[in-house]
N, C-alpha and C. Protein backbone atom coordinates (compact mmCIF):
# COMPACT_ATOMS: atom_id res chain seq x y z
N UNK A 1 117.58 69.37 186.37
CA UNK A 1 116.68 69.90 185.79
C UNK A 1 116.96 71.28 184.94
N UNK A 2 118.26 71.89 185.41
CA UNK A 2 118.77 72.86 184.46
C UNK A 2 119.16 72.50 183.31
N UNK A 3 119.86 71.29 183.28
CA UNK A 3 120.42 70.66 181.82
C UNK A 3 118.87 70.50 181.12
N UNK A 4 118.03 70.05 181.49
CA UNK A 4 116.87 69.94 180.88
C UNK A 4 116.30 71.16 180.32
N UNK A 5 116.64 72.34 181.23
CA UNK A 5 116.49 73.73 180.50
C UNK A 5 117.15 73.95 179.50
N UNK A 6 118.42 73.83 179.83
CA UNK A 6 119.44 74.43 178.89
C UNK A 6 119.53 73.83 177.52
N UNK A 7 118.96 72.23 177.59
CA UNK A 7 118.79 71.97 176.48
C UNK A 7 117.32 72.23 175.37
N UNK A 8 116.44 72.55 176.47
CA UNK A 8 115.14 73.22 175.69
C UNK A 8 115.54 74.39 175.12
N UNK A 9 116.35 75.36 176.06
CA UNK A 9 116.75 76.56 175.59
C UNK A 9 117.45 76.71 174.09
N UNK A 10 118.43 75.49 174.36
CA UNK A 10 119.38 75.60 173.22
C UNK A 10 118.35 74.90 171.87
N UNK A 11 117.39 74.29 172.20
CA UNK A 11 116.77 73.98 171.01
C UNK A 11 115.95 74.93 170.59
N UNK A 12 115.17 75.65 171.52
CA UNK A 12 114.40 76.89 171.01
C UNK A 12 115.54 78.06 170.21
N UNK A 13 116.50 78.23 170.61
CA UNK A 13 117.51 79.16 169.82
C UNK A 13 117.68 78.49 168.80
N UNK A 14 117.71 77.44 168.76
CA UNK A 14 118.58 76.74 167.23
C UNK A 14 117.57 76.84 166.13
N UNK A 15 115.96 76.38 166.91
CA UNK A 15 115.00 76.46 165.82
C UNK A 15 114.72 77.87 165.46
N UNK A 16 114.85 78.49 166.49
CA UNK A 16 114.53 80.29 166.18
C UNK A 16 115.54 80.85 164.90
N UNK A 17 116.68 80.29 165.36
CA UNK A 17 117.52 80.79 164.33
C UNK A 17 117.83 80.25 162.92
N UNK A 18 117.30 79.23 162.94
CA UNK A 18 116.56 78.45 161.60
C UNK A 18 115.83 79.23 160.81
N UNK A 19 114.53 79.58 161.42
CA UNK A 19 113.35 79.99 161.05
C UNK A 19 113.94 81.54 160.45
N UNK A 20 114.75 82.30 161.32
CA UNK A 20 115.24 83.26 160.93
C UNK A 20 116.02 83.07 159.51
N UNK A 21 116.80 82.10 159.48
CA UNK A 21 117.45 82.18 158.30
C UNK A 21 116.92 81.69 157.08
N UNK A 22 115.59 80.79 157.25
CA UNK A 22 114.54 80.41 156.15
C UNK A 22 113.90 81.57 155.77
N UNK A 23 113.51 82.76 156.49
CA UNK A 23 112.63 84.34 156.49
C UNK A 23 113.73 85.15 155.79
N UNK A 24 115.01 85.03 155.89
CA UNK A 24 115.78 85.81 155.48
C UNK A 24 116.67 85.47 153.92
N UNK A 25 116.22 84.13 154.15
CA UNK A 25 116.32 83.33 152.48
C UNK A 25 115.54 83.68 151.58
N UNK A 26 113.92 83.26 152.26
CA UNK A 26 112.45 83.89 151.22
C UNK A 26 112.59 85.10 151.35
N UNK A 27 113.07 86.25 151.87
CA UNK A 27 112.80 87.62 151.85
C UNK A 27 113.81 88.05 150.55
N UNK A 28 114.98 87.31 150.68
CA UNK A 28 116.21 87.78 150.04
C UNK A 28 115.42 87.09 148.44
N UNK A 29 115.37 85.96 148.20
CA UNK A 29 114.35 85.63 146.64
C UNK A 29 113.35 86.32 146.52
N UNK A 30 112.12 86.81 147.24
CA UNK A 30 111.67 87.66 146.63
C UNK A 30 111.84 88.74 146.38
N UNK A 31 112.91 89.23 147.20
CA UNK A 31 113.55 90.69 146.53
C UNK A 31 114.28 90.34 144.97
N UNK A 32 114.96 89.58 144.70
CA UNK A 32 115.69 89.21 143.80
C UNK A 32 114.64 88.89 142.64
N UNK A 33 113.16 88.29 142.99
CA UNK A 33 112.32 88.28 141.80
C UNK A 33 111.59 89.42 141.44
N UNK A 34 111.43 90.31 142.61
CA UNK A 34 110.78 91.63 142.42
C UNK A 34 111.83 92.83 141.53
N UNK A 35 112.81 92.33 141.69
CA UNK A 35 114.17 93.20 141.10
C UNK A 35 113.96 93.07 139.79
N UNK A 36 113.72 91.74 139.62
CA UNK A 36 113.72 91.21 137.85
C UNK A 36 112.68 91.55 137.25
N UNK A 37 111.51 91.37 137.63
CA UNK A 37 110.49 91.74 137.40
C UNK A 37 110.20 93.52 137.10
N UNK A 38 110.67 94.02 138.08
CA UNK A 38 110.73 95.68 137.71
C UNK A 38 111.81 95.99 136.76
N UNK A 39 112.76 95.41 136.67
CA UNK A 39 113.92 95.28 135.54
C UNK A 39 113.11 95.16 134.24
N UNK A 40 112.91 93.84 134.54
CA UNK A 40 112.01 93.63 132.82
C UNK A 40 110.81 94.85 132.60
N UNK A 41 110.19 95.04 133.51
CA UNK A 41 109.34 96.30 132.73
C UNK A 41 109.62 97.41 132.56
N UNK A 42 110.95 98.02 133.16
CA UNK A 42 111.75 99.13 132.83
C UNK A 42 112.01 99.05 131.54
N UNK A 43 112.72 97.71 131.21
CA UNK A 43 113.18 97.45 129.95
C UNK A 43 112.26 97.38 128.61
N UNK A 44 111.03 97.10 129.38
CA UNK A 44 109.72 96.71 128.62
C UNK A 44 109.25 98.14 127.93
N UNK A 45 109.16 98.87 128.90
CA UNK A 45 108.55 100.23 128.87
C UNK A 45 109.74 101.36 127.58
N UNK A 46 110.87 100.81 127.68
CA UNK A 46 111.64 101.63 127.28
C UNK A 46 111.89 101.51 125.94
N UNK A 47 111.43 99.88 125.58
CA UNK A 47 111.73 99.60 123.92
C UNK A 47 110.23 99.63 123.27
N UNK A 48 109.58 99.92 124.18
CA UNK A 48 107.61 100.27 123.66
C UNK A 48 107.67 101.31 122.33
N UNK A 49 107.25 101.22 121.37
CA UNK A 49 107.10 102.07 120.12
C UNK A 49 106.34 103.09 120.59
N UNK A 50 105.16 102.79 121.03
CA UNK A 50 103.88 103.65 121.14
C UNK A 50 104.11 103.91 122.45
N UNK A 51 104.50 104.73 123.31
CA UNK A 51 104.19 105.13 124.81
C UNK A 51 103.29 105.80 125.05
N UNK A 52 102.22 105.24 126.25
CA UNK A 52 101.34 106.03 126.82
C UNK A 52 101.85 107.34 127.39
N UNK A 53 100.82 108.27 127.39
CA UNK A 53 100.96 109.56 128.06
C UNK A 53 100.79 110.55 127.03
N UNK A 54 101.23 111.80 127.11
CA UNK A 54 101.08 112.92 126.18
C UNK A 54 101.97 112.93 125.03
N UNK A 55 103.25 112.25 125.26
CA UNK A 55 104.28 112.57 124.18
C UNK A 55 103.72 111.28 123.14
N UNK A 56 103.21 110.33 124.20
CA UNK A 56 103.18 109.01 123.04
C UNK A 56 101.46 109.14 122.54
N UNK A 57 100.61 110.00 123.02
CA UNK A 57 99.41 110.44 121.93
C UNK A 57 99.55 111.45 120.73
N UNK A 58 100.69 112.01 121.36
CA UNK A 58 100.71 113.23 120.03
C UNK A 58 101.51 112.40 118.98
N UNK A 59 102.37 111.46 119.37
CA UNK A 59 103.30 110.92 118.45
C UNK A 59 102.48 110.13 117.61
N UNK A 60 101.17 109.36 118.38
CA UNK A 60 100.03 108.38 117.51
C UNK A 60 99.40 109.77 116.92
N UNK A 61 99.14 111.01 117.03
CA UNK A 61 98.28 111.71 116.37
C UNK A 61 99.10 112.07 114.98
N UNK A 62 100.47 112.66 114.92
CA UNK A 62 101.36 112.79 114.48
C UNK A 62 101.46 111.02 112.96
N UNK A 63 101.23 110.04 113.64
CA UNK A 63 101.62 109.03 113.03
C UNK A 63 100.50 108.72 111.72
N UNK A 64 99.05 109.00 112.54
CA UNK A 64 98.08 109.12 112.17
C UNK A 64 97.60 110.13 110.68
N UNK A 65 98.12 111.40 111.08
CA UNK A 65 97.97 112.28 110.04
C UNK A 65 99.07 111.93 108.99
N UNK A 66 100.29 111.43 109.28
CA UNK A 66 101.11 110.98 108.42
C UNK A 66 100.59 109.81 107.55
N UNK A 67 99.51 109.06 108.03
CA UNK A 67 99.51 107.76 107.17
C UNK A 67 98.23 108.30 106.24
N UNK A 68 97.12 109.40 106.73
CA UNK A 68 96.12 109.75 105.93
C UNK A 68 96.79 110.66 104.73
N UNK A 69 97.66 111.46 105.18
CA UNK A 69 98.07 112.17 103.78
C UNK A 69 98.67 111.14 103.01
N UNK A 70 99.51 110.09 103.74
CA UNK A 70 99.95 109.37 102.57
C UNK A 70 98.96 108.66 101.66
N UNK A 71 97.88 108.18 102.22
CA UNK A 71 96.54 107.59 101.62
C UNK A 71 96.00 108.56 100.92
N UNK A 72 95.54 109.65 101.02
CA UNK A 72 95.36 110.56 100.20
C UNK A 72 96.33 110.91 98.91
N UNK A 73 97.73 110.92 99.17
CA UNK A 73 98.35 111.02 97.53
C UNK A 73 98.35 109.82 97.04
N UNK A 74 98.26 108.76 97.89
CA UNK A 74 98.04 107.52 96.80
C UNK A 74 96.80 107.13 96.09
N UNK A 75 95.75 107.49 96.59
CA UNK A 75 94.61 107.70 96.23
C UNK A 75 94.54 108.53 94.94
N UNK A 76 95.25 109.95 95.13
CA UNK A 76 95.21 111.00 94.01
C UNK A 76 96.13 110.03 92.75
N UNK A 77 97.29 109.44 93.01
CA UNK A 77 98.28 109.14 92.16
C UNK A 77 97.31 107.46 91.29
N UNK A 78 96.49 107.17 92.16
CA UNK A 78 95.75 106.06 91.65
C UNK A 78 94.94 106.41 90.72
N UNK A 79 94.00 107.35 90.97
CA UNK A 79 92.66 108.05 90.25
C UNK A 79 93.17 108.60 89.04
N UNK A 80 94.50 109.59 89.16
CA UNK A 80 95.00 110.55 88.06
C UNK A 80 96.03 109.63 87.34
N UNK A 81 96.92 109.18 87.95
CA UNK A 81 97.97 108.86 87.41
C UNK A 81 98.86 110.01 86.79
N UNK A 82 98.81 111.35 87.51
CA UNK A 82 99.75 112.52 87.01
C UNK A 82 100.29 112.63 88.16
N UNK A 83 101.44 112.91 88.04
CA UNK A 83 102.82 113.38 88.98
C UNK A 83 102.42 115.14 89.60
N UNK A 84 101.45 115.79 88.31
CA UNK A 84 101.47 117.04 88.84
C UNK A 84 100.15 117.13 89.83
N UNK A 85 99.42 115.96 89.85
CA UNK A 85 98.13 116.56 90.74
C UNK A 85 98.73 115.86 92.00
N UNK A 86 99.60 114.95 91.97
CA UNK A 86 100.24 114.46 93.36
C UNK A 86 100.72 115.52 93.83
N UNK A 87 101.67 116.04 93.24
CA UNK A 87 102.51 117.02 93.66
C UNK A 87 101.83 118.29 94.04
N UNK A 88 100.74 119.05 93.55
CA UNK A 88 99.62 119.76 93.87
C UNK A 88 99.25 119.07 94.88
N UNK A 89 98.45 118.13 95.48
CA UNK A 89 97.68 117.61 96.29
C UNK A 89 98.63 117.65 97.72
N UNK A 90 99.89 117.31 97.32
CA UNK A 90 100.89 117.44 98.51
C UNK A 90 100.94 118.54 99.01
N UNK A 91 101.24 120.01 97.86
CA UNK A 91 101.35 121.41 98.45
C UNK A 91 99.98 121.55 99.21
N UNK A 92 99.44 121.27 98.78
CA UNK A 92 97.91 121.60 99.55
C UNK A 92 97.97 121.15 100.63
N UNK A 93 98.03 119.94 100.88
CA UNK A 93 97.99 119.29 102.47
C UNK A 93 99.21 119.88 103.30
N UNK A 94 100.41 120.20 102.85
CA UNK A 94 101.46 120.98 103.51
C UNK A 94 100.45 122.40 104.02
N UNK A 95 100.02 122.79 103.35
CA UNK A 95 99.57 124.31 103.51
C UNK A 95 98.44 123.87 104.67
N UNK A 96 97.73 122.61 104.30
CA UNK A 96 96.24 122.56 105.03
C UNK A 96 96.77 121.58 105.94
N UNK A 97 97.49 121.18 106.31
CA UNK A 97 98.00 119.71 107.46
C UNK A 97 97.80 120.35 109.03
N UNK A 98 98.47 121.94 109.11
CA UNK A 98 98.12 121.98 110.55
C UNK A 98 96.66 122.29 110.98
N UNK A 99 95.86 123.06 109.80
CA UNK A 99 94.55 122.88 110.18
C UNK A 99 93.88 121.52 110.15
N UNK A 100 94.50 120.62 109.45
CA UNK A 100 93.66 119.61 109.43
C UNK A 100 93.99 118.76 110.57
N UNK A 101 95.35 118.83 111.13
CA UNK A 101 95.42 118.54 112.64
C UNK A 101 94.70 118.85 113.54
N UNK A 102 94.42 120.09 113.61
CA UNK A 102 93.46 120.78 114.66
C UNK A 102 92.21 120.31 114.61
N UNK A 103 91.74 120.16 113.25
CA UNK A 103 90.56 119.64 113.36
C UNK A 103 89.99 118.23 113.77
N UNK A 104 90.95 117.49 113.56
CA UNK A 104 90.94 115.95 113.55
C UNK A 104 91.45 115.64 115.13
N UNK A 105 92.48 116.18 115.43
CA UNK A 105 93.57 115.41 116.60
C UNK A 105 93.53 116.53 117.74
N UNK A 106 92.83 117.19 117.67
CA UNK A 106 92.92 118.33 119.15
C UNK A 106 91.76 118.02 120.27
N UNK A 107 92.69 117.72 121.07
CA UNK A 107 91.47 117.21 121.97
C UNK A 107 91.58 118.18 123.21
N UNK A 108 92.06 119.38 123.06
CA UNK A 108 92.12 120.35 124.16
C UNK A 108 90.30 120.48 124.61
N UNK A 109 89.78 120.56 123.30
CA UNK A 109 88.06 121.35 123.90
C UNK A 109 87.37 120.17 123.93
N UNK A 110 87.72 119.02 123.90
CA UNK A 110 86.60 118.00 123.80
C UNK A 110 86.72 117.52 125.43
């Protein structure tokens, strides 16, 4: 009788050890997969051109303002074909740039 109990106990211990090893392997695989996903996400966040957040919004606002200035200068050139008018428009935009930025892109009061 004790031989049978000893064999049964040995079988239970072996199956418990096997299950523990399988669980450990599964946890290690899951941890490796999670680490790989987090590394990929960190790399993607680092490489993104337009980042979200306050600095990203500020950068986007400057981008939009720069695009608007270039479009205005291009329209001035196309309409007049005069370098003097384009330079004058650029000087006006340089002086009026901060005011235009506050008017169009300031989100503090909204």
